[in-house]
């Protein structure tokens, strides 16, 4: 049996098939080579400029240059916030070695806090080893001397110069200037990544309000680097722009005199120029030293401030509010005159007790148990006659009451150039329902008429209203910064201020109120007549007492009560009465009575401004040797001096019930 026949090979066909495949492969290779050549041509010729620029950019890095922060001066050119040279401790991790051994060695030379070490370790984990990391700011001279001896032991550790913030007057301007502090994550988020090169930013006071103006504009250095990112040389520079300097309207001498006028008492005070709204001085006591916060406050100092029951960090000027007491009466009297509800010659009978019409229950007393007799508007201010205002408030009604007092600036921020100012509380049915979840009663309006009840006003609001009365009815926005300049040799540029608002269209009515306030200090029955003794100028004012708990405290000597139960003493006023140059509002916590405690403080402030009577020669600002001595006079808790004080006319003691007139 024969097997299957194998087909014969066709040599010609196989050769033809090979030639076709070879030609196809040649074409494919040729096309690929042409494409590659074209791509090389595009890279080397067509896109040469673009890629050359990218190459240069890879070798040139922008290194930020932090500008000098603007300085702050008082109205006479005294330096209140400055930049001073200091040294910080920087570490190059790739040269310094292991972190634990490094920190252990440096602790024997430098005082390193747990926060310093924590921040250093966190930054080291996210930063390249050849970039310096700050371990400690504000190295002391003693630490620098110790490090100089052992410097050879710490390769990669250097002391670098920088500018740090210093406040020569310490706690004297703690609540006005505020302070700068180290930038945290929230600050970076708020300011944007473009400002991440900054190490400090304003945290409170003017430092925060004018942060954008004070910090200046960041500059850049163009630095050539190698492939690892290490700097080789500087090839260009865009200079930084220093921050603007600020000139305040505040007078450092008056600020010091105002602080000294309080002695060991606690409270707050504001002095304004009624003709411009400029703040001449303002204090919240006790205060704190802002230098403590610049480079990180120690745990011990922070604990001492936080545990101080007097709350030194609490700014009573813009955050604190109390009932205005009888200091409200001049403005409420003006509302009565302007509304037509009262005329200057109208009189109200004060018998010592007031009750709501048709009611025989609770009564509201006057300061004199037997009453003040027939009282017109001038006497009602000078002698602080409560009954006059009880009846006036009821005749006005709550709507007109709120309308006029809103016009005078209550229940709203004054607009001063400080962060966080509150608007206070203006009593009204809506406010009571919102805050207390209770309905409004006629007795609430009676309480509100003498500045008691749910009132909450700041010293700035009282000072602003007082300045408006002194300036014949012009309500101005109080402000701290008068001018700024872009460079040391540049001229000062005044900051624009809004136009004042007229609170009364009747100059005669304002004059009647002024006369009543003059009688308060100079009249025979005035509640502040004691401060007029020996004064070479004439003052106008109004005393007040804000009750803390209830009227029972008036029945005992104030010194027998604990501090938190003593009433707040208040005084508003201006001088000279015939041509006002200064208006003040004083609040004394636990002071008892306005006439005996707050008014004498105001007299010392007037003397300091008008007669230049400065205690102890003025504030010891520039003469202080160092940060540790930069003002430390008001950190301790204030103590009210032991003194027996009889209640003045603006007090409301308990009175026996009498028949309603």
Foldseek 3Di string as FASTA:
>chain_A
DDDDDDDDDDVVVVVVVVVVVVVVVVVVVVVVVVVVVVVVCCCVPVCVVVVVVVVQVLFKDKDKDFAAFAWEAEQVRHTFKHKDKAKFKKFQQVFQDDDVVSVVVLVVQFVADPVLSVVQVVVVVVDDRRDIDTSATGTDPSSVVSCVVVVVVGPRIDIDMDIFMDGLQFFLCCQAQPAKAADDPVNCVVVDVVPVVDGIAGDFHLRHLCGVQRRFFMKIWIFGHDPVRDGDGTDDIGDTFGHWYFYWPEDQLLSQLLVVLQPLFFFKKWKAFLVALGTHYIDGFPAGGRVCRGRHHDPVVVVLQVPAPSNRVDDLQFPAWFQPFQLCLLLLLLLCCQVVVDDQPAWDAFQFWADDPPDDDDIFGFLDNRTDGIDGSLRCQFLVGLVVLLVSLVSCDQVSSVVLVVLLQAQQFLPESTPDGGRWDDDDQVRCCVPVVDGDDSVQSSQVSRRADRTIDGQSSSQQSQSCLLVQFWRFRRYTTQWIARDPPGDTDGDDGDGTDGSHPDSVSSVSSLSSQQCLCPNPNRLQVVLVPPDPAGKGKGKGKYFQPDQACLVDWLVVDPQNRAIKIKMWIFPRSVRTRMIMIIITRSQHINNVNVSSSVSSSCCCVVVVDGPPVGRPRPVDDDSVVSDDDRSHNRDDDDDGDHYGRSRGHDHDDDDHD
